[in-house]
PDB file of N, CA and C in Angstrom:
ATOM      1  N   MET A   1       0.850  -1.168   0.000  1.00  0.00           N
ATOM      2  CA  MET A   1       0.000   0.000   0.000  1.00  0.00           C
ATOM      3  C   MET A   1       0.904   1.243   0.000  1.00  0.00           C
ATOM      4  N   PRO A   2       0.668   2.198  -0.895  1.00  0.00           N
ATOM      5  CA  PRO A   2       1.495   3.411  -0.933  1.00  0.00           C
ATOM      6  C   PRO A   2       1.344   4.244   0.345  1.00  0.00           C
ATOM      7  N   ARG A   3       2.345   5.039   0.618  1.00  0.00           N
ATOM      8  CA  ARG A   3       2.338   5.942   1.764  1.00  0.00           C
ATOM      9  C   ARG A   3       2.308   7.374   1.223  1.00  0.00           C
ATOM     10  N   TYR A   4       1.565   8.246   1.911  1.00  0.00           N
ATOM     11  CA  TYR A   4       1.416   9.632   1.482  1.00  0.00           C
ATOM     12  C   TYR A   4       1.764  10.592   2.610  1.00  0.00           C
ATOM     13  N   GLU A   5       2.259  11.742   2.235  1.00  0.00           N
ATOM     14  CA  GLU A   5       2.433  12.852   3.177  1.00  0.00           C
ATOM     15  C   GLU A   5       1.470  13.937   2.755  1.00  0.00           C
ATOM     16  N   ILE A   6       0.714  14.439   3.734  1.00  0.00           N
ATOM     17  CA  ILE A   6      -0.283  15.472   3.474  1.00  0.00           C
ATOM     18  C   ILE A   6       0.028  16.665   4.360  1.00  0.00           C
ATOM     19  N   GLU A   7       0.060  17.842   3.739  1.00  0.00           N
ATOM     20  CA  GLU A   7       0.192  19.082   4.497  1.00  0.00           C
ATOM     21  C   GLU A   7      -1.211  19.670   4.647  1.00  0.00           C
ATOM     22  N   GLN A   8      -1.570  19.994   5.886  1.00  0.00           N
ATOM     23  CA  GLN A   8      -2.891  20.551   6.173  1.00  0.00           C
ATOM     24  C   GLN A   8      -2.725  21.918   6.813  1.00  0.00           C
ATOM     25  N   TYR A   9      -3.517  22.856   6.319  1.00  0.00           N
ATOM     26  CA  TYR A   9      -3.508  24.190   6.911  1.00  0.00           C
ATOM     27  C   TYR A   9      -4.204  24.150   8.265  1.00  0.00           C
ATOM     28  N   GLU A  10      -3.572  24.752   9.258  1.00  0.00           N
ATOM     29  CA  GLU A  10      -4.146  24.871  10.591  1.00  0.00           C
ATOM     30  C   GLU A  10      -3.948  26.300  11.086  1.00  0.00           C
ATOM     31  N   LEU A  11      -4.836  26.724  11.957  1.00  0.00           N
ATOM     32  CA  LEU A  11      -4.678  28.017  12.601  1.00  0.00           C
ATOM     33  C   LEU A  11      -4.066  27.806  13.979  1.00  0.00           C
ATOM     34  N   HIS A  12      -3.053  28.590  14.257  1.00  0.00           N
ATOM     35  CA  HIS A  12      -2.407  28.584  15.560  1.00  0.00           C
ATOM     36  C   HIS A  12      -2.322  30.027  16.037  1.00  0.00           C
ATOM     37  N   VAL A  13      -2.270  30.216  17.331  1.00  0.00           N
ATOM     38  CA  VAL A  13      -2.027  31.544  17.881  1.00  0.00           C
ATOM     39  C   VAL A  13      -0.736  31.504  18.676  1.00  0.00           C
ATOM     40  N   MET A  14      -0.083  32.635  18.733  1.00  0.00           N
ATOM     41  CA  MET A  14       1.161  32.755  19.480  1.00  0.00           C
ATOM     42  C   MET A  14       1.229  34.155  20.067  1.00  0.00           C
ATOM     43  N   THR A  15       1.772  34.270  21.251  1.00  0.00           N
ATOM     44  CA  THR A  15       1.899  35.559  21.920  1.00  0.00           C
ATOM     45  C   THR A  15       3.260  36.172  21.630  1.00  0.00           C
ATOM     46  N   PHE A  16       3.256  37.477  21.381  1.00  0.00           N
ATOM     47  CA  PHE A  16       4.483  38.233  21.135  1.00  0.00           C
ATOM     48  C   PHE A  16       4.538  39.408  22.098  1.00  0.00           C
ATOM     49  N   ARG A  17       5.756  39.861  22.399  1.00  0.00           N
ATOM     50  CA  ARG A  17       5.952  41.057  23.225  1.00  0.00           C
ATOM     51  C   ARG A  17       6.724  42.088  22.436  1.00  0.00           C
ATOM     52  N   ILE A  18       6.311  43.355  22.610  1.00  0.00           N
ATOM     53  CA  ILE A  18       6.966  44.457  21.899  1.00  0.00           C
ATOM     54  C   ILE A  18       6.759  45.746  22.680  1.00  0.00           C
ATOM     55  N   ASP A  19       7.788  46.573  22.750  1.00  0.00           N
ATOM     56  CA  ASP A  19       7.641  47.905  23.326  1.00  0.00           C
ATOM     57  C   ASP A  19       7.114  48.829  22.235  1.00  0.00           C
ATOM     58  N   ALA A  20       6.060  49.579  22.557  1.00  0.00           N
ATOM     59  CA  ALA A  20       5.445  50.457  21.561  1.00  0.00           C
ATOM     60  C   ALA A  20       4.722  51.601  22.263  1.00  0.00           C
ATOM     61  N   ASN A  21       4.398  52.647  21.496  1.00  0.00           N
ATOM     62  CA  ASN A  21       3.717  53.828  22.038  1.00  0.00           C
ATOM     63  C   ASN A  21       2.234  53.592  22.282  1.00  0.00           C
ATOM     64  N   ASP A  22       1.607  52.720  21.490  1.00  0.00           N
ATOM     65  CA  ASP A  22       0.174  52.454  21.616  1.00  0.00           C
ATOM     66  C   ASP A  22      -0.135  51.148  20.884  1.00  0.00           C
ATOM     67  N   PRO A  23      -1.367  50.653  20.976  1.00  0.00           N
ATOM     68  CA  PRO A  23      -1.695  49.377  20.327  1.00  0.00           C
ATOM     69  C   PRO A  23      -1.431  49.362  18.815  1.00  0.00           C
ATOM     70  N   ALA A  24      -1.753  50.450  18.121  1.00  0.00           N
ATOM     71  CA  ALA A  24      -1.522  50.484  16.672  1.00  0.00           C
ATOM     72  C   ALA A  24      -0.028  50.382  16.369  1.00  0.00           C
ATOM     73  N   ASP A  25       0.776  51.102  17.123  1.00  0.00           N
ATOM     74  CA  ASP A  25       2.230  51.047  16.944  1.00  0.00           C
ATOM     75  C   ASP A  25       2.751  49.640  17.228  1.00  0.00           C
ATOM     76  N   ALA A  26       2.189  48.997  18.245  1.00  0.00           N
ATOM     77  CA  ALA A  26       2.599  47.632  18.589  1.00  0.00           C
ATOM     78  C   ALA A  26       2.303  46.676  17.436  1.00  0.00           C
ATOM     79  N   ILE A  27       1.126  46.823  16.811  1.00  0.00           N
ATOM     80  CA  ILE A  27       0.767  45.956  15.694  1.00  0.00           C
ATOM     81  C   ILE A  27       1.684  46.198  14.510  1.00  0.00           C
ATOM     82  N   VAL A  28       1.968  47.471  14.207  1.00  0.00           N
ATOM     83  CA  VAL A  28       2.868  47.791  13.100  1.00  0.00           C
ATOM     84  C   VAL A  28       4.239  47.176  13.344  1.00  0.00           C
ATOM     85  N   ARG A  29       4.740  47.275  14.558  1.00  0.00           N
ATOM     86  CA  ARG A  29       6.049  46.705  14.881  1.00  0.00           C
ATOM     87  C   ARG A  29       6.035  45.181  14.778  1.00  0.00           C
ATOM     88  N   LEU A  30       4.953  44.564  15.212  1.00  0.00           N
ATOM     89  CA  LEU A  30       4.812  43.117  15.070  1.00  0.00           C
ATOM     90  C   LEU A  30       4.861  42.732  13.590  1.00  0.00           C
ATOM     91  N   LEU A  31       4.077  43.408  12.764  1.00  0.00           N
ATOM     92  CA  LEU A  31       4.033  43.100  11.335  1.00  0.00           C
ATOM     93  C   LEU A  31       5.356  43.374  10.641  1.00  0.00           C
ATOM     94  N   ASP A  32       6.164  44.270  11.203  1.00  0.00           N
ATOM     95  CA  ASP A  32       7.498  44.557  10.672  1.00  0.00           C
ATOM     96  C   ASP A  32       8.559  43.588  11.194  1.00  0.00           C
ATOM     97  N   GLY A  33       8.143  42.628  12.027  1.00  0.00           N
ATOM     98  CA  GLY A  33       9.067  41.618  12.525  1.00  0.00           C
ATOM     99  C   GLY A  33       9.869  42.037  13.739  1.00  0.00           C
ATOM    100  N   GLU A  34       9.439  43.073  14.447  1.00  0.00           N
ATOM    101  CA  GLU A  34      10.198  43.578  15.589  1.00  0.00           C
ATOM    102  C   GLU A  34       9.795  42.952  16.920  1.00  0.00           C
ATOM    103  N   ALA A  35       8.707  42.192  16.967  1.00  0.00           N
ATOM    104  CA  ALA A  35       8.233  41.611  18.224  1.00  0.00           C
ATOM    105  C   ALA A  35       8.983  40.321  18.527  1.00  0.00           C
ATOM    106  N   GLU A  36       9.067  40.003  19.807  1.00  0.00           N
ATOM    107  CA  GLU A  36       9.714  38.764  20.236  1.00  0.00           C
ATOM    108  C   GLU A  36       8.646  37.773  20.695  1.00  0.00           C
ATOM    109  N   PRO A  37       8.721  36.529  20.206  1.00  0.00           N
ATOM    110  CA  PRO A  37       7.743  35.532  20.641  1.00  0.00           C
ATOM    111  C   PRO A  37       7.951  35.155  22.101  1.00  0.00           C
ATOM    112  N   VAL A  38       6.855  34.939  22.792  1.00  0.00           N
ATOM    113  CA  VAL A  38       6.901  34.478  24.175  1.00  0.00           C
ATOM    114  C   VAL A  38       6.969  32.951  24.127  1.00  0.00           C
ATOM    115  N   ASP A  39       7.953  32.375  24.798  1.00  0.00           N
ATOM    116  CA  ASP A  39       8.160  30.922  24.776  1.00  0.00           C
ATOM    117  C   ASP A  39       6.919  30.161  25.213  1.00  0.00           C
ATOM    118  N   ASN A  40       6.693  29.027  24.571  1.00  0.00           N
ATOM    119  CA  ASN A  40       5.634  28.078  24.932  1.00  0.00           C
ATOM    120  C   ASN A  40       4.226  28.669  24.889  1.00  0.00           C
ATOM    121  N   THR A  41       3.991  29.600  23.972  1.00  0.00           N
ATOM    122  CA  THR A  41       2.650  30.184  23.898  1.00  0.00           C
ATOM    123  C   THR A  41       1.904  29.781  22.626  1.00  0.00           C
ATOM    124  N   GLN A  42       2.543  29.021  21.740  1.00  0.00           N
ATOM    125  CA  GLN A  42       1.837  28.618  20.524  1.00  0.00           C
ATOM    126  C   GLN A  42       0.735  27.637  20.896  1.00  0.00           C
ATOM    127  N   GLU A  43      -0.463  27.890  20.360  1.00  0.00           N
ATOM    128  CA  GLU A  43      -1.621  27.077  20.698  1.00  0.00           C
ATOM    129  C   GLU A  43      -2.435  26.795  19.435  1.00  0.00           C
ATOM    130  N   TYR A  44      -2.823  25.545  19.246  1.00  0.00           N
ATOM    131  CA  TYR A  44      -3.672  25.149  18.122  1.00  0.00           C
ATOM    132  C   TYR A  44      -5.060  25.734  18.321  1.00  0.00           C
ATOM    133  N   VAL A  45      -5.640  26.274  17.246  1.00  0.00           N
ATOM    134  CA  VAL A  45      -6.996  26.814  17.304  1.00  0.00           C
ATOM    135  C   VAL A  45      -7.963  25.899  16.553  1.00  0.00           C
ATOM    136  N   GLU A  46      -7.716  25.711  15.250  1.00  0.00           N
ATOM    137  CA  GLU A  46      -8.601  24.879  14.446  1.00  0.00           C
ATOM    138  C   GLU A  46      -7.980  24.624  13.073  1.00  0.00           C
ATOM    139  N   ILE A  47      -8.585  23.706  12.331  1.00  0.00           N
ATOM    140  CA  ILE A  47      -8.180  23.467  10.950  1.00  0.00           C
ATOM    141  C   ILE A  47      -8.631  24.665  10.129  1.00  0.00           C
ATOM    142  N   ALA A  48      -7.784  25.126   9.227  1.00  0.00           N
ATOM    143  CA  ALA A  48      -8.078  26.301   8.400  1.00  0.00           C
ATOM    144  C   ALA A  48      -8.773  25.860   7.115  1.00  0.00           C
ATOM    145  N   GLU A  49     -10.092  25.722   7.176  1.00  0.00           N
ATOM    146  CA  GLU A  49     -10.849  25.226   6.033  1.00  0.00           C
ATOM    147  C   GLU A  49     -11.060  26.274   4.950  1.00  0.00           C
ATOM    148  N   GLU A  50     -10.723  27.521   5.200  1.00  0.00           N
ATOM    149  CA  GLU A  50     -10.864  28.560   4.181  1.00  0.00           C
ATOM    150  C   GLU A  50      -9.673  28.585   3.225  1.00  0.00           C
ATOM    151  N   CYS A  51      -8.656  27.763   3.510  1.00  0.00           N
ATOM    152  CA  CYS A  51      -7.499  27.588   2.636  1.00  0.00           C
ATOM    153  C   CYS A  51      -7.550  26.172   2.083  1.00  0.00           C
ATOM    154  N   GLY A  52      -6.919  25.953   0.938  1.00  0.00           N
ATOM    155  CA  GLY A  52      -6.878  24.601   0.405  1.00  0.00           C
ATOM    156  C   GLY A  52      -6.430  24.554  -1.035  1.00  0.00           C
ATOM    157  N   LEU A  53      -6.442  23.357  -1.587  1.00  0.00           N
ATOM    158  CA  LEU A  53      -6.092  23.159  -2.989  1.00  0.00           C
ATOM    159  C   LEU A  53      -7.230  23.659  -3.870  1.00  0.00           C
ATOM    160  N   LEU A  54      -6.891  24.298  -4.972  1.00  0.00           N
ATOM    161  CA  LEU A  54      -7.914  24.763  -5.906  1.00  0.00           C
ATOM    162  C   LEU A  54      -8.475  23.582  -6.694  1.00  0.00           C
ATOM    163  N   VAL A  55      -9.792  23.475  -6.724  1.00  0.00           N
ATOM    164  CA  VAL A  55     -10.453  22.409  -7.459  1.00  0.00           C
ATOM    165  C   VAL A  55     -10.080  22.461  -8.939  1.00  0.00           C
ATOM    166  N   ASP A  56      -9.926  23.667  -9.493  1.00  0.00           N
ATOM    167  CA  ASP A  56      -9.541  23.791 -10.910  1.00  0.00           C
ATOM    168  C   ASP A  56      -8.200  23.133 -11.198  1.00  0.00           C
ATOM    169  N   ASP A  57      -7.312  23.096 -10.211  1.00  0.00           N
ATOM    170  CA  ASP A  57      -6.002  22.470 -10.386  1.00  0.00           C
ATOM    171  C   ASP A  57      -6.020  20.959 -10.121  1.00  0.00           C
ATOM    172  N   TYR A  58      -7.018  20.468  -9.382  1.00  0.00           N
ATOM    173  CA  TYR A  58      -7.106  19.057  -8.997  1.00  0.00           C
ATOM    174  C   TYR A  58      -8.532  18.531  -9.180  1.00  0.00           C
ATOM    175  N   PRO A  59      -9.100  18.626 -10.390  1.00  0.00           N
ATOM    176  CA  PRO A  59     -10.504  18.229 -10.576  1.00  0.00           C
ATOM    177  C   PRO A  59     -10.765  16.749 -10.308  1.00  0.00           C
ATOM    178  N   GLU A  60      -9.838  15.870 -10.669  1.00  0.00           N
ATOM    179  CA  GLU A  60     -10.058  14.438 -10.444  1.00  0.00           C
ATOM    180  C   GLU A  60     -10.045  14.106  -8.958  1.00  0.00           C
ATOM    181  N   LEU A  61      -9.105  14.695  -8.228  1.00  0.00           N
ATOM    182  CA  LEU A  61      -9.038  14.489  -6.782  1.00  0.00           C
ATOM    183  C   LEU A  61     -10.305  15.010  -6.116  1.00  0.00           C
ATOM    184  N   ALA A  62     -10.766  16.188  -6.524  1.00  0.00           N
ATOM    185  CA  ALA A  62     -11.989  16.757  -5.952  1.00  0.00           C
ATOM    186  C   ALA A  62     -13.181  15.841  -6.195  1.00  0.00           C
ATOM    187  N   SER A  63     -13.269  15.298  -7.400  1.00  0.00           N
ATOM    188  CA  SER A  63     -14.375  14.397  -7.739  1.00  0.00           C
ATOM    189  C   SER A  63     -14.321  13.126  -6.891  1.00  0.00           C
ATOM    190  N   GLU A  64     -13.131  12.548  -6.741  1.00  0.00           N
ATOM    191  CA  GLU A  64     -12.976  11.339  -5.913  1.00  0.00           C
ATOM    192  C   GLU A  64     -13.362  11.617  -4.459  1.00  0.00           C
ATOM    193  N   LEU A  65     -12.942  12.763  -3.949  1.00  0.00           N
ATOM    194  CA  LEU A  65     -13.271  13.104  -2.561  1.00  0.00           C
ATOM    195  C   LEU A  65     -14.773  13.270  -2.378  1.00  0.00           C
ATOM    196  N   ARG A  66     -15.438  13.913  -3.325  1.00  0.00           N
ATOM    197  CA  ARG A  66     -16.903  14.062  -3.241  1.00  0.00           C
ATOM    198  C   ARG A  66     -17.577  12.692  -3.201  1.00  0.00           C
ATOM    199  N   GLU A  67     -17.102  11.768  -4.060  1.00  0.00           N
ATOM    200  CA  GLU A  67     -17.667  10.417  -4.079  1.00  0.00           C
ATOM    201  C   GLU A  67     -17.477   9.703  -2.747  1.00  0.00           C
ATOM    202  N   LEU A  68     -16.397  10.053  -2.034  1.00  0.00           N
ATOM    203  CA  LEU A  68     -16.123   9.441  -0.728  1.00  0.00           C
ATOM    204  C   LEU A  68     -16.792  10.185   0.426  1.00  0.00           C
ATOM    205  N   GLY A  69     -17.592  11.221   0.102  1.00  0.00           N
ATOM    206  CA  GLY A  69     -18.351  11.935   1.122  1.00  0.00           C
ATOM    207  C   GLY A  69     -17.649  13.119   1.756  1.00  0.00           C
ATOM    208  N   VAL A  70     -16.510  13.521   1.192  1.00  0.00           N
ATOM    209  CA  VAL A  70     -15.794  14.687   1.723  1.00  0.00           C
ATOM    210  C   VAL A  70     -16.432  15.951   1.144  1.00  0.00           C
ATOM    211  N   PRO A  71     -16.797  16.916   1.987  1.00  0.00           N
ATOM    212  CA  PRO A  71     -17.406  18.138   1.463  1.00  0.00           C
ATOM    213  C   PRO A  71     -16.376  18.988   0.716  1.00  0.00           C
ATOM    214  N   VAL A  72     -16.526  19.040  -0.603  1.00  0.00           N
ATOM    215  CA  VAL A  72     -15.657  19.839  -1.459  1.00  0.00           C
ATOM    216  C   VAL A  72     -16.566  20.745  -2.273  1.00  0.00           C
ATOM    217  N   ASP A  73     -16.357  22.060  -2.175  1.00  0.00           N
ATOM    218  CA  ASP A  73     -17.180  22.973  -2.954  1.00  0.00           C
ATOM    219  C   ASP A  73     -16.609  23.134  -4.364  1.00  0.00           C
ATOM    220  N   ASP A  74     -17.102  24.102  -5.116  1.00  0.00           N
ATOM    221  CA  ASP A  74     -16.648  24.293  -6.496  1.00  0.00           C
ATOM    222  C   ASP A  74     -15.287  24.964  -6.583  1.00  0.00           C
ATOM    223  N   ARG A  75     -14.775  25.468  -5.444  1.00  0.00           N
ATOM    224  CA  ARG A  75     -13.541  26.241  -5.458  1.00  0.00           C
ATOM    225  C   ARG A  75     -12.376  25.541  -4.781  1.00  0.00           C
ATOM    226  N   LEU A  76     -12.604  24.954  -3.587  1.00  0.00           N
ATOM    227  CA  LEU A  76     -11.504  24.443  -2.764  1.00  0.00           C
ATOM    228  C   LEU A  76     -11.695  23.020  -2.283  1.00  0.00           C
ATOM    229  N   ILE A  77     -10.552  22.326  -2.160  1.00  0.00           N
ATOM    230  CA  ILE A  77     -10.478  21.118  -1.349  1.00  0.00           C
ATOM    231  C   ILE A  77     -10.012  21.631   0.008  1.00  0.00           C
ATOM    232  N   PRO A  78     -10.929  21.765   0.973  1.00  0.00           N
ATOM    233  CA  PRO A  78     -10.646  22.491   2.208  1.00  0.00           C
ATOM    234  C   PRO A  78      -9.476  21.941   3.012  1.00  0.00           C
ATOM    235  N   SER A  79      -8.666  22.839   3.473  1.00  0.00           N
ATOM    236  CA  SER A  79      -7.588  22.652   4.446  1.00  0.00           C
ATOM    237  C   SER A  79      -6.349  21.924   3.922  1.00  0.00           C
ATOM    238  N   ILE A  80      -6.378  21.393   2.707  1.00  0.00           N
ATOM    239  CA  ILE A  80      -5.249  20.607   2.214  1.00  0.00           C
ATOM    240  C   ILE A  80      -4.298  21.500   1.423  1.00  0.00           C
ATOM    241  N   ARG A  81      -3.044  21.521   1.834  1.00  0.00           N
ATOM    242  CA  ARG A  81      -2.022  22.299   1.128  1.00  0.00           C
ATOM    243  C   ARG A  81      -1.336  21.453   0.069  1.00  0.00           C
ATOM    244  N   SER A  82      -1.052  20.199   0.394  1.00  0.00           N
ATOM    245  CA  SER A  82      -0.420  19.310  -0.575  1.00  0.00           C
ATOM    246  C   SER A  82      -0.629  17.863  -0.152  1.00  0.00           C
ATOM    247  N   VAL A  83      -0.546  16.980  -1.147  1.00  0.00           N
ATOM    248  CA  VAL A  83      -0.567  15.541  -0.899  1.00  0.00           C
ATOM    249  C   VAL A  83       0.386  14.915  -1.904  1.00  0.00           C
ATOM    250  N   SER A  84       1.292  14.088  -1.400  1.00  0.00           N
ATOM    251  CA  SER A  84       2.261  13.463  -2.295  1.00  0.00           C
ATOM    252  C   SER A  84       2.619  12.072  -1.790  1.00  0.00           C
ATOM    253  N   GLU A  85       2.818  11.198  -2.746  1.00  0.00           N
ATOM    254  CA  GLU A  85       3.239   9.844  -2.404  1.00  0.00           C
ATOM    255  C   GLU A  85       4.721   9.880  -2.070  1.00  0.00           C
ATOM    256  N   VAL A  86       5.110   9.155  -1.035  1.00  0.00           N
ATOM    257  CA  VAL A  86       6.513   9.115  -0.630  1.00  0.00           C
ATOM    258  C   VAL A  86       7.037   7.697  -0.765  1.00  0.00           C
ATOM    259  N   THR A  87       8.306   7.613  -1.040  1.00  0.00           N
ATOM    260  CA  THR A  87       8.947   6.307  -1.120  1.00  0.00           C
ATOM    261  C   THR A  87       9.322   5.875   0.285  1.00  0.00           C
ATOM    262  N   GLN A  88       9.063   4.643   0.566  1.00  0.00           N
ATOM    263  CA  GLN A  88       9.408   4.134   1.890  1.00  0.00           C
ATOM    264  C   GLN A  88      10.897   3.830   1.932  1.00  0.00           C
ATOM    265  N   ALA A  89      11.548   4.333   2.954  1.00  0.00           N
ATOM    266  CA  ALA A  89      12.981   4.085   3.120  1.00  0.00           C
ATOM    267  C   ALA A  89      13.195   2.629   3.515  1.00  0.00           C
ATOM    268  N   THR A  90      14.257   2.056   3.013  1.00  0.00           N
ATOM    269  CA  THR A  90      14.577   0.666   3.343  1.00  0.00           C
ATOM    270  C   THR A  90      15.631   0.574   4.437  1.00  0.00           C
ATOM    271  N   GLY A  91      16.112   1.714   4.919  1.00  0.00           N
ATOM    272  CA  GLY A  91      17.151   1.712   5.946  1.00  0.00           C
ATOM    273  C   GLY A  91      18.471   2.157   5.370  1.00  0.00           C
ATOM    274  N   PRO A  92      19.458   2.337   6.225  1.00  0.00           N
ATOM    275  CA  PRO A  92      20.766   2.834   5.743  1.00  0.00           C
ATOM    276  C   PRO A  92      21.513   1.768   4.941  1.00  0.00           C
ATOM    277  N   ASP A  93      22.275   2.235   4.001  1.00  0.00           N
ATOM    278  CA  ASP A  93      23.130   1.339   3.215  1.00  0.00           C
ATOM    279  C   ASP A  93      24.501   1.340   3.869  1.00  0.00           C
ATOM    280  N   TRP A  94      24.847   0.236   4.499  1.00  0.00           N
ATOM    281  CA  TRP A  94      26.113   0.158   5.241  1.00  0.00           C
ATOM    282  C   TRP A  94      27.262  -0.293   4.350  1.00  0.00           C
ATOM    283  N   GLY A  95      27.001  -0.474   3.055  1.00  0.00           N
ATOM    284  CA  GLY A  95      28.069  -0.832   2.135  1.00  0.00           C
ATOM    285  C   GLY A  95      28.526  -2.273   2.248  1.00  0.00           C
ATOM    286  N   ASN A  96      27.681  -3.150   2.758  1.00  0.00           N
ATOM    287  CA  ASN A  96      28.059  -4.573   2.906  1.00  0.00           C
ATOM    288  C   ASN A  96      27.987  -5.294   1.601  1.00  0.00           C
TER     289      ASN A  96
END
């Protein structure tokens, strides 16, 4: 049976600290990359279903998923960034 790797979009939140004059300035500095992340604050929120593979680029996959009962609209295969078959490693080659 083939093995696949799938990348799925997820939403996470993370806390940052920044010195700033006011909230707007703090946001601008964050967006400019000046904020420092607070350790151990990343938290999973939910699967990002508003992102995904475009159905126009993967019409056969979208059709197969619909047949299997996966909700796929006319635009997106929700939450999936990529899917690819991977070769299974057989282990290190020790040169024997």
